[in-house]
């Protein structure tokens, strides 16, 4: 989410009308529902997490213990169990 200066994007009459309701405060204007982006769509974070989870699963299949994986990837044991469980379901 980026900030834009209202004086740069709104017509003067509309700006005056908005100032009647909120003057000098921050105002969040939500996206039109058709324009909403899903989580991770605008960054590489989603792909990075998928890659990490695949490495965790590959390590698990190679015989690494879940406790070791939790330490290696700085995650809780529950998170490692969840990731491995999800990928097991996906591949079976």
PDB file of N, CA and C in Angstrom:
ATOM      1  N   UNK A   1       0.857  -1.165   0.000  1.00  0.00           N
ATOM      2  CA  UNK A   1       0.000   0.000   0.000  1.00  0.00           C
ATOM      3  C   UNK A   1       0.898   1.220   0.000  1.00  0.00           C
ATOM      4  N   UNK A   2       0.635   2.122  -0.912  1.00  0.00           N
ATOM      5  CA  UNK A   2       1.407   3.351  -0.977  1.00  0.00           C
ATOM      6  C   UNK A   2       0.539   4.548  -0.630  1.00  0.00           C
ATOM      7  N   UNK A   3       1.199   5.597  -0.211  1.00  0.00           N
ATOM      8  CA  UNK A   3       0.481   6.827   0.114  1.00  0.00           C
ATOM      9  C   UNK A   3       0.594   7.790  -1.057  1.00  0.00           C
ATOM     10  N   UNK A   4      -0.488   8.457  -1.335  1.00  0.00           N
ATOM     11  CA  UNK A   4      -0.518   9.482  -2.371  1.00  0.00           C
ATOM     12  C   UNK A   4      -1.030  10.768  -1.732  1.00  0.00           C
ATOM     13  N   UNK A   5      -0.509  11.867  -2.193  1.00  0.00           N
ATOM     14  CA  UNK A   5      -0.953  13.168  -1.683  1.00  0.00           C
ATOM     15  C   UNK A   5      -2.287  13.497  -2.346  1.00  0.00           C
ATOM     16  N   UNK A   6      -3.301  13.730  -1.533  1.00  0.00           N
ATOM     17  CA  UNK A   6      -4.655  13.971  -2.043  1.00  0.00           C
ATOM     18  C   UNK A   6      -4.699  15.134  -3.021  1.00  0.00           C
ATOM     19  N   UNK A   7      -3.891  16.153  -2.787  1.00  0.00           N
ATOM     20  CA  UNK A   7      -3.903  17.307  -3.690  1.00  0.00           C
ATOM     21  C   UNK A   7      -3.379  16.951  -5.081  1.00  0.00           C
ATOM     22  N   UNK A   8      -2.658  15.833  -5.166  1.00  0.00           N
ATOM     23  CA  UNK A   8      -2.120  15.407  -6.458  1.00  0.00           C
ATOM     24  C   UNK A   8      -3.074  14.500  -7.228  1.00  0.00           C
ATOM     25  N   UNK A   9      -4.032  13.876  -6.546  1.00  0.00           N
ATOM     26  CA  UNK A   9      -4.874  12.879  -7.221  1.00  0.00           C
ATOM     27  C   UNK A   9      -6.373  13.205  -7.217  1.00  0.00           C
ATOM     28  N   UNK A  10      -6.814  14.074  -6.326  1.00  0.00           N
ATOM     29  CA  UNK A  10      -8.249  14.377  -6.252  1.00  0.00           C
ATOM     30  C   UNK A  10      -8.545  15.750  -6.836  1.00  0.00           C
ATOM     31  N   UNK A  11      -9.676  15.873  -7.496  1.00  0.00           N
ATOM     32  CA  UNK A  11     -10.094  17.206  -7.937  1.00  0.00           C
ATOM     33  C   UNK A  11     -10.305  18.101  -6.707  1.00  0.00           C
ATOM     34  N   UNK A  12     -10.056  19.378  -6.873  1.00  0.00           N
ATOM     35  CA  UNK A  12     -10.113  20.323  -5.755  1.00  0.00           C
ATOM     36  C   UNK A  12     -11.472  20.276  -5.037  1.00  0.00           C
ATOM     37  N   UNK A  13     -12.573  20.239  -5.789  1.00  0.00           N
ATOM     38  CA  UNK A  13     -13.912  20.206  -5.168  1.00  0.00           C
ATOM     39  C   UNK A  13     -14.106  18.955  -4.321  1.00  0.00           C
ATOM     40  N   UNK A  14     -13.625  17.829  -4.828  1.00  0.00           N
ATOM     41  CA  UNK A  14     -13.752  16.579  -4.071  1.00  0.00           C
ATOM     42  C   UNK A  14     -12.893  16.630  -2.809  1.00  0.00           C
ATOM     43  N   UNK A  15     -11.705  17.167  -2.915  1.00  0.00           N
ATOM     44  CA  UNK A  15     -10.830  17.307  -1.760  1.00  0.00           C
ATOM     45  C   UNK A  15     -11.488  18.152  -0.672  1.00  0.00           C
ATOM     46  N   UNK A  16     -12.108  19.261  -1.048  1.00  0.00           N
ATOM     47  CA  UNK A  16     -12.807  20.096  -0.064  1.00  0.00           C
ATOM     48  C   UNK A  16     -13.933  19.332   0.611  1.00  0.00           C
ATOM     49  N   UNK A  17     -14.652  18.533  -0.153  1.00  0.00           N
ATOM     50  CA  UNK A  17     -15.752  17.734   0.405  1.00  0.00           C
ATOM     51  C   UNK A  17     -15.213  16.697   1.397  1.00  0.00           C
ATOM     52  N   UNK A  18     -14.129  16.017   1.047  1.00  0.00           N
ATOM     53  CA  UNK A  18     -13.528  15.030   1.950  1.00  0.00           C
ATOM     54  C   UNK A  18     -13.055  15.719   3.226  1.00  0.00           C
ATOM     55  N   UNK A  19     -12.494  16.910   3.102  1.00  0.00           N
ATOM     56  CA  UNK A  19     -11.991  17.642   4.265  1.00  0.00           C
ATOM     57  C   UNK A  19     -13.113  18.032   5.223  1.00  0.00           C
ATOM     58  N   UNK A  20     -14.351  18.075   4.753  1.00  0.00           N
ATOM     59  CA  UNK A  20     -15.476  18.330   5.661  1.00  0.00           C
ATOM     60  C   UNK A  20     -15.642  17.176   6.654  1.00  0.00           C
ATOM     61  N   UNK A  21     -15.271  15.975   6.241  1.00  0.00           N
ATOM     62  CA  UNK A  21     -15.454  14.780   7.074  1.00  0.00           C
ATOM     63  C   UNK A  21     -14.187  14.406   7.844  1.00  0.00           C
ATOM     64  N   UNK A  22     -13.051  14.591   7.203  1.00  0.00           N
ATOM     65  CA  UNK A  22     -11.794  14.210   7.839  1.00  0.00           C
ATOM     66  C   UNK A  22     -10.736  15.209   7.373  1.00  0.00           C
ATOM     67  N   UNK A  23     -10.230  15.984   8.291  1.00  0.00           N
ATOM     68  CA  UNK A  23      -9.308  17.069   7.944  1.00  0.00           C
ATOM     69  C   UNK A  23      -7.936  16.795   8.555  1.00  0.00           C
ATOM     70  N   UNK A  24      -6.946  16.585   7.701  1.00  0.00           N
ATOM     71  CA  UNK A  24      -5.583  16.386   8.184  1.00  0.00           C
ATOM     72  C   UNK A  24      -5.316  15.026   8.786  1.00  0.00           C
ATOM     73  N   UNK A  25      -6.175  14.067   8.569  1.00  0.00           N
ATOM     74  CA  UNK A  25      -6.009  12.712   9.105  1.00  0.00           C
ATOM     75  C   UNK A  25      -5.693  11.765   7.955  1.00  0.00           C
ATOM     76  N   UNK A  26      -5.257  10.554   8.297  1.00  0.00           N
ATOM     77  CA  UNK A  26      -5.043   9.533   7.280  1.00  0.00           C
ATOM     78  C   UNK A  26      -6.368   8.865   6.971  1.00  0.00           C
ATOM     79  N   UNK A  27      -6.563   8.553   5.715  1.00  0.00           N
ATOM     80  CA  UNK A  27      -7.795   7.906   5.277  1.00  0.00           C
ATOM     81  C   UNK A  27      -7.424   6.727   4.390  1.00  0.00           C
ATOM     82  N   UNK A  28      -7.900   5.541   4.750  1.00  0.00           N
ATOM     83  CA  UNK A  28      -7.649   4.349   3.935  1.00  0.00           C
ATOM     84  C   UNK A  28      -8.804   4.172   2.968  1.00  0.00           C
ATOM     85  N   UNK A  29      -8.498   4.036   1.701  1.00  0.00           N
ATOM     86  CA  UNK A  29      -9.520   3.790   0.688  1.00  0.00           C
ATOM     87  C   UNK A  29      -9.292   2.381   0.165  1.00  0.00           C
ATOM     88  N   UNK A  30     -10.194   1.451   0.455  1.00  0.00           N
ATOM     89  CA  UNK A  30      -9.979   0.063   0.051  1.00  0.00           C
ATOM     90  C   UNK A  30     -10.067  -0.113  -1.462  1.00  0.00           C
ATOM     91  N   UNK A  31      -9.430  -1.165  -1.939  1.00  0.00           N
ATOM     92  CA  UNK A  31      -9.477  -1.493  -3.362  1.00  0.00           C
ATOM     93  C   UNK A  31     -10.876  -1.956  -3.742  1.00  0.00           C
ATOM     94  N   UNK A  32     -11.205  -1.779  -4.999  1.00  0.00           N
ATOM     95  CA  UNK A  32     -12.423  -2.374  -5.559  1.00  0.00           C
ATOM     96  C   UNK A  32     -12.196  -3.875  -5.512  1.00  0.00           C
ATOM     97  N   UNK A  33     -13.186  -4.640  -5.108  1.00  0.00           N
ATOM     98  CA  UNK A  33     -12.979  -6.077  -4.879  1.00  0.00           C
ATOM     99  C   UNK A  33     -12.428  -6.795  -6.104  1.00  0.00           C
ATOM    100  N   UNK A  34     -12.752  -6.366  -7.300  1.00  0.00           N
ATOM    101  CA  UNK A  34     -12.225  -7.008  -8.507  1.00  0.00           C
ATOM    102  C   UNK A  34     -10.733  -6.729  -8.690  1.00  0.00           C
ATOM    103  N   UNK A  35     -10.213  -5.704  -8.049  1.00  0.00           N
ATOM    104  CA  UNK A  35      -8.802  -5.334  -8.187  1.00  0.00           C
ATOM    105  C   UNK A  35      -7.924  -5.865  -7.064  1.00  0.00           C
ATOM    106  N   UNK A  36      -8.506  -6.574  -6.099  1.00  0.00           N
ATOM    107  CA  UNK A  36      -7.737  -7.061  -4.961  1.00  0.00           C
ATOM    108  C   UNK A  36      -6.729  -8.103  -5.407  1.00  0.00           C
ATOM    109  N   UNK A  37      -5.574  -8.063  -4.777  1.00  0.00           N
ATOM    110  CA  UNK A  37      -4.515  -9.020  -5.063  1.00  0.00           C
ATOM    111  C   UNK A  37      -4.424  -9.990  -3.899  1.00  0.00           C
ATOM    112  N   UNK A  38      -4.139 -11.227  -4.211  1.00  0.00           N
ATOM    113  CA  UNK A  38      -4.013 -12.218  -3.150  1.00  0.00           C
ATOM    114  C   UNK A  38      -2.666 -12.072  -2.459  1.00  0.00           C
ATOM    115  N   UNK A  39      -2.553 -12.676  -1.288  1.00  0.00           N
ATOM    116  CA  UNK A  39      -1.361 -12.562  -0.482  1.00  0.00           C
ATOM    117  C   UNK A  39      -0.144 -13.050  -1.271  1.00  0.00           C
ATOM    118  N   UNK A  40       0.923 -12.264  -1.271  1.00  0.00           N
ATOM    119  CA  UNK A  40       2.165 -12.651  -1.906  1.00  0.00           C
ATOM    120  C   UNK A  40       2.219 -12.445  -3.409  1.00  0.00           C
ATOM    121  N   UNK A  41       1.170 -11.909  -3.980  1.00  0.00           N
ATOM    122  CA  UNK A  41       1.096 -11.750  -5.430  1.00  0.00           C
ATOM    123  C   UNK A  41       2.069 -10.696  -5.950  1.00  0.00           C
ATOM    124  N   UNK A  42       2.350  -9.693  -5.156  1.00  0.00           N
ATOM    125  CA  UNK A  42       3.197  -8.602  -5.634  1.00  0.00           C
ATOM    126  C   UNK A  42       4.653  -8.735  -5.190  1.00  0.00           C
ATOM    127  N   UNK A  43       4.984  -9.792  -4.438  1.00  0.00           N
ATOM    128  CA  UNK A  43       6.363 -10.006  -3.991  1.00  0.00           C
ATOM    129  C   UNK A  43       6.763 -11.441  -4.284  1.00  0.00           C
ATOM    130  N   UNK A  44       7.985 -11.786  -3.983  1.00  0.00           N
ATOM    131  CA  UNK A  44       8.465 -13.157  -4.198  1.00  0.00           C
ATOM    132  C   UNK A  44       8.299 -14.025  -2.949  1.00  0.00           C
ATOM    133  N   UNK A  45       7.684 -13.500  -1.917  1.00  0.00           N
ATOM    134  CA  UNK A  45       7.572 -14.208  -0.648  1.00  0.00           C
ATOM    135  C   UNK A  45       6.859 -15.555  -0.788  1.00  0.00           C
ATOM    136  N   UNK A  46       5.774 -15.593  -1.515  1.00  0.00           N
ATOM    137  CA  UNK A  46       5.017 -16.840  -1.674  1.00  0.00           C
ATOM    138  C   UNK A  46       5.912 -17.919  -2.295  1.00  0.00           C
ATOM    139  N   UNK A  47       6.632 -17.575  -3.354  1.00  0.00           N
ATOM    140  CA  UNK A  47       7.510 -18.549  -4.018  1.00  0.00           C
ATOM    141  C   UNK A  47       8.652 -18.972  -3.108  1.00  0.00           C
ATOM    142  N   UNK A  48       9.210 -18.035  -2.368  1.00  0.00           N
ATOM    143  CA  UNK A  48      10.294 -18.355  -1.438  1.00  0.00           C
ATOM    144  C   UNK A  48       9.835 -19.342  -0.371  1.00  0.00           C
ATOM    145  N   UNK A  49       8.622 -19.163   0.138  1.00  0.00           N
ATOM    146  CA  UNK A  49       8.088 -20.087   1.144  1.00  0.00           C
ATOM    147  C   UNK A  49       7.808 -21.463   0.542  1.00  0.00           C
ATOM    148  N   UNK A  50       7.303 -21.503  -0.685  1.00  0.00           N
ATOM    149  CA  UNK A  50       7.082 -22.787  -1.348  1.00  0.00           C
ATOM    150  C   UNK A  50       8.407 -23.524  -1.550  1.00  0.00           C
ATOM    151  N   UNK A  51       9.431 -22.784  -1.966  1.00  0.00           N
ATOM    152  CA  UNK A  51      10.753 -23.387  -2.158  1.00  0.00           C
ATOM    153  C   UNK A  51      11.311 -23.916  -0.840  1.00  0.00           C
ATOM    154  N   UNK A  52      11.176 -23.102   0.220  1.00  0.00           N
ATOM    155  CA  UNK A  52      11.653 -23.540   1.538  1.00  0.00           C
ATOM    156  C   UNK A  52      10.923 -24.784   1.997  1.00  0.00           C
ATOM    157  N   UNK A  53       9.603 -24.792   1.834  1.00  0.00           N
ATOM    158  CA  UNK A  53       8.815 -25.946   2.263  1.00  0.00           C
ATOM    159  C   UNK A  53       9.197 -27.199   1.478  1.00  0.00           C
ATOM    160  N   UNK A  54       9.506 -27.035   0.206  1.00  0.00           N
ATOM    161  CA  UNK A  54       9.936 -28.175  -0.604  1.00  0.00           C
ATOM    162  C   UNK A  54      11.277 -28.708  -0.110  1.00  0.00           C
ATOM    163  N   UNK A  55      12.188 -27.817   0.266  1.00  0.00           N
ATOM    164  CA  UNK A  55      13.480 -28.255   0.815  1.00  0.00           C
ATOM    165  C   UNK A  55      13.274 -29.001   2.132  1.00  0.00           C
ATOM    166  N   UNK A  56      12.355 -28.508   2.955  1.00  0.00           N
ATOM    167  CA  UNK A  56      12.048 -29.191   4.219  1.00  0.00           C
ATOM    168  C   UNK A  56      11.542 -30.600   3.932  1.00  0.00           C
ATOM    169  N   UNK A  57      10.634 -30.716   2.992  1.00  0.00           N
ATOM    170  CA  UNK A  57      10.062 -32.031   2.662  1.00  0.00           C
ATOM    171  C   UNK A  57      11.134 -32.953   2.072  1.00  0.00           C
ATOM    172  N   UNK A  58      11.974 -32.423   1.212  1.00  0.00           N
ATOM    173  CA  UNK A  58      13.062 -33.228   0.629  1.00  0.00           C
ATOM    174  C   UNK A  58      14.015 -33.721   1.712  1.00  0.00           C
ATOM    175  N   UNK A  59      14.345 -32.832   2.665  1.00  0.00           N
ATOM    176  CA  UNK A  59      15.199 -33.236   3.788  1.00  0.00           C
ATOM    177  C   UNK A  59      14.522 -34.330   4.607  1.00  0.00           C
ATOM    178  N   UNK A  60      13.239 -34.188   4.832  1.00  0.00           N
ATOM    179  CA  UNK A  60      12.476 -35.188   5.588  1.00  0.00           C
ATOM    180  C   UNK A  60      12.517 -36.536   4.863  1.00  0.00           C
ATOM    181  N   UNK A  61      12.302 -36.519   3.554  1.00  0.00           N
ATOM    182  CA  UNK A  61      12.338 -37.774   2.776  1.00  0.00           C
ATOM    183  C   UNK A  61      13.736 -38.385   2.764  1.00  0.00           C
ATOM    184  N   UNK A  62      14.751 -37.547   2.922  1.00  0.00           N
ATOM    185  CA  UNK A  62      16.134 -38.031   2.964  1.00  0.00           C
ATOM    186  C   UNK A  62      16.499 -38.582   4.341  1.00  0.00           C
ATOM    187  N   UNK A  63      15.541 -38.551   5.279  1.00  0.00           N
ATOM    188  CA  UNK A  63      15.764 -39.166   6.583  1.00  0.00           C
ATOM    189  C   UNK A  63      16.075 -38.217   7.721  1.00  0.00           C
ATOM    190  N   UNK A  64      16.025 -36.922   7.476  1.00  0.00           N
ATOM    191  CA  UNK A  64      16.288 -35.962   8.557  1.00  0.00           C
ATOM    192  C   UNK A  64      15.123 -35.961   9.538  1.00  0.00           C
ATOM    193  N   UNK A  65      15.456 -35.893  10.819  1.00  0.00           N
ATOM    194  CA  UNK A  65      14.425 -35.881  11.860  1.00  0.00           C
ATOM    195  C   UNK A  65      13.741 -34.509  11.913  1.00  0.00           C
ATOM    196  N   UNK A  66      12.478 -34.520  12.300  1.00  0.00           N
ATOM    197  CA  UNK A  66      11.703 -33.273  12.352  1.00  0.00           C
ATOM    198  C   UNK A  66      12.305 -32.273  13.329  1.00  0.00           C
ATOM    199  N   UNK A  67      12.828 -32.748  14.436  1.00  0.00           N
ATOM    200  CA  UNK A  67      13.449 -31.857  15.420  1.00  0.00           C
ATOM    201  C   UNK A  67      14.659 -31.136  14.795  1.00  0.00           C
ATOM    202  N   UNK A  68      15.438 -31.879  14.010  1.00  0.00           N
ATOM    203  CA  UNK A  68      16.587 -31.289  13.319  1.00  0.00           C
ATOM    204  C   UNK A  68      16.118 -30.225  12.325  1.00  0.00           C
ATOM    205  N   UNK A  69      15.047 -30.536  11.583  1.00  0.00           N
ATOM    206  CA  UNK A  69      14.526 -29.599  10.595  1.00  0.00           C
ATOM    207  C   UNK A  69      14.007 -28.325  11.257  1.00  0.00           C
ATOM    208  N   UNK A  70      13.386 -28.457  12.412  1.00  0.00           N
ATOM    209  CA  UNK A  70      12.889 -27.292  13.140  1.00  0.00           C
ATOM    210  C   UNK A  70      14.051 -26.365  13.500  1.00  0.00           C
ATOM    211  N   UNK A  71      15.162 -26.948  13.948  1.00  0.00           N
ATOM    212  CA  UNK A  71      16.336 -26.142  14.275  1.00  0.00           C
ATOM    213  C   UNK A  71      16.955 -25.533  13.025  1.00  0.00           C
ATOM    214  N   UNK A  72      17.103 -26.342  11.991  1.00  0.00           N
ATOM    215  CA  UNK A  72      17.757 -25.890  10.761  1.00  0.00           C
ATOM    216  C   UNK A  72      17.020 -24.721  10.111  1.00  0.00           C
ATOM    217  N   UNK A  73      15.687 -24.791  10.101  1.00  0.00           N
ATOM    218  CA  UNK A  73      14.881 -23.771   9.420  1.00  0.00           C
ATOM    219  C   UNK A  73      14.291 -22.736  10.375  1.00  0.00           C
ATOM    220  N   UNK A  74      14.658 -22.802  11.653  1.00  0.00           N
ATOM    221  CA  UNK A  74      14.204 -21.836  12.660  1.00  0.00           C
ATOM    222  C   UNK A  74      12.673 -21.783  12.731  1.00  0.00           C
ATOM    223  N   UNK A  75      12.060 -22.965  12.754  1.00  0.00           N
ATOM    224  CA  UNK A  75      10.608 -23.094  12.861  1.00  0.00           C
ATOM    225  C   UNK A  75      10.273 -23.971  14.048  1.00  0.00           C
ATOM    226  N   UNK A  76       9.024 -23.882  14.491  1.00  0.00           N
ATOM    227  CA  UNK A  76       8.592 -24.764  15.574  1.00  0.00           C
ATOM    228  C   UNK A  76       8.389 -26.171  15.022  1.00  0.00           C
ATOM    229  N   UNK A  77       8.427 -27.137  15.912  1.00  0.00           N
ATOM    230  CA  UNK A  77       8.184 -28.523  15.517  1.00  0.00           C
ATOM    231  C   UNK A  77       6.794 -28.657  14.889  1.00  0.00           C
ATOM    232  N   UNK A  78       5.829 -27.963  15.445  1.00  0.00           N
ATOM    233  CA  UNK A  78       4.453 -27.990  14.900  1.00  0.00           C
ATOM    234  C   UNK A  78       4.431 -27.482  13.457  1.00  0.00           C
ATOM    235  N   UNK A  79       5.180 -26.420  13.161  1.00  0.00           N
ATOM    236  CA  UNK A  79       5.225 -25.881  11.799  1.00  0.00           C
ATOM    237  C   UNK A  79       5.831 -26.897  10.840  1.00  0.00           C
ATOM    238  N   UNK A  80       6.899 -27.552  11.265  1.00  0.00           N
ATOM    239  CA  UNK A  80       7.529 -28.579  10.427  1.00  0.00           C
ATOM    240  C   UNK A  80       6.539 -29.714  10.173  1.00  0.00           C
ATOM    241  N   UNK A  81       5.842 -30.142  11.209  1.00  0.00           N
ATOM    242  CA  UNK A  81       4.846 -31.218  11.056  1.00  0.00           C
ATOM    243  C   UNK A  81       3.741 -30.802  10.088  1.00  0.00           C
ATOM    244  N   UNK A  82       3.299 -29.566  10.188  1.00  0.00           N
ATOM    245  CA  UNK A  82       2.239 -29.067   9.304  1.00  0.00           C
ATOM    246  C   UNK A  82       2.712 -29.042   7.855  1.00  0.00           C
ATOM    247  N   UNK A  83       3.908 -28.535   7.624  1.00  0.00           N
ATOM    248  CA  UNK A  83       4.457 -28.445   6.264  1.00  0.00           C
ATOM    249  C   UNK A  83       4.593 -29.833   5.661  1.00  0.00           C
ATOM    250  N   UNK A  84       5.160 -30.757   6.414  1.00  0.00           N
ATOM    251  CA  UNK A  84       5.354 -32.118   5.906  1.00  0.00           C
ATOM    252  C   UNK A  84       4.008 -32.784   5.658  1.00  0.00           C
ATOM    253  N   UNK A  85       3.062 -32.580   6.553  1.00  0.00           N
ATOM    254  CA  UNK A  85       1.720 -33.155   6.369  1.00  0.00           C
ATOM    255  C   UNK A  85       1.034 -32.617   5.119  1.00  0.00           C
ATOM    256  N   UNK A  86       1.157 -31.318   4.893  1.00  0.00           N
ATOM    257  CA  UNK A  86       0.534 -30.719   3.699  1.00  0.00           C
ATOM    258  C   UNK A  86       1.146 -31.264   2.406  1.00  0.00           C
ATOM    259  N   UNK A  87       2.458 -31.367   2.396  1.00  0.00           N
ATOM    260  CA  UNK A  87       3.125 -31.859   1.184  1.00  0.00           C
ATOM    261  C   UNK A  87       2.884 -33.349   0.964  1.00  0.00           C
ATOM    262  N   UNK A  88       2.768 -34.119   2.054  1.00  0.00           N
ATOM    263  CA  UNK A  88       2.420 -35.540   1.910  1.00  0.00           C
ATOM    264  C   UNK A  88       1.064 -35.686   1.228  1.00  0.00           C
ATOM    265  N   UNK A  89       0.093 -34.899   1.680  1.00  0.00           N
ATOM    266  CA  UNK A  89      -1.252 -34.938   1.078  1.00  0.00           C
ATOM    267  C   UNK A  89      -1.204 -34.523  -0.393  1.00  0.00           C
ATOM    268  N   UNK A  90      -0.407 -33.493  -0.679  1.00  0.00           N
ATOM    269  CA  UNK A  90      -0.308 -32.964  -2.036  1.00  0.00           C
ATOM    270  C   UNK A  90       0.278 -33.993  -2.995  1.00  0.00           C
ATOM    271  N   UNK A  91       1.251 -34.769  -2.532  1.00  0.00           N
ATOM    272  CA  UNK A  91       1.932 -35.715  -3.411  1.00  0.00           C
ATOM    273  C   UNK A  91       1.279 -37.086  -3.431  1.00  0.00           C
ATOM    274  N   UNK A  92       0.356 -37.354  -2.546  1.00  0.00           N
ATOM    275  CA  UNK A  92      -0.320 -38.676  -2.522  1.00  0.00           C
ATOM    276  C   UNK A  92      -1.657 -38.614  -3.175  1.00  0.00           C
TER     277      UNK A  92
END
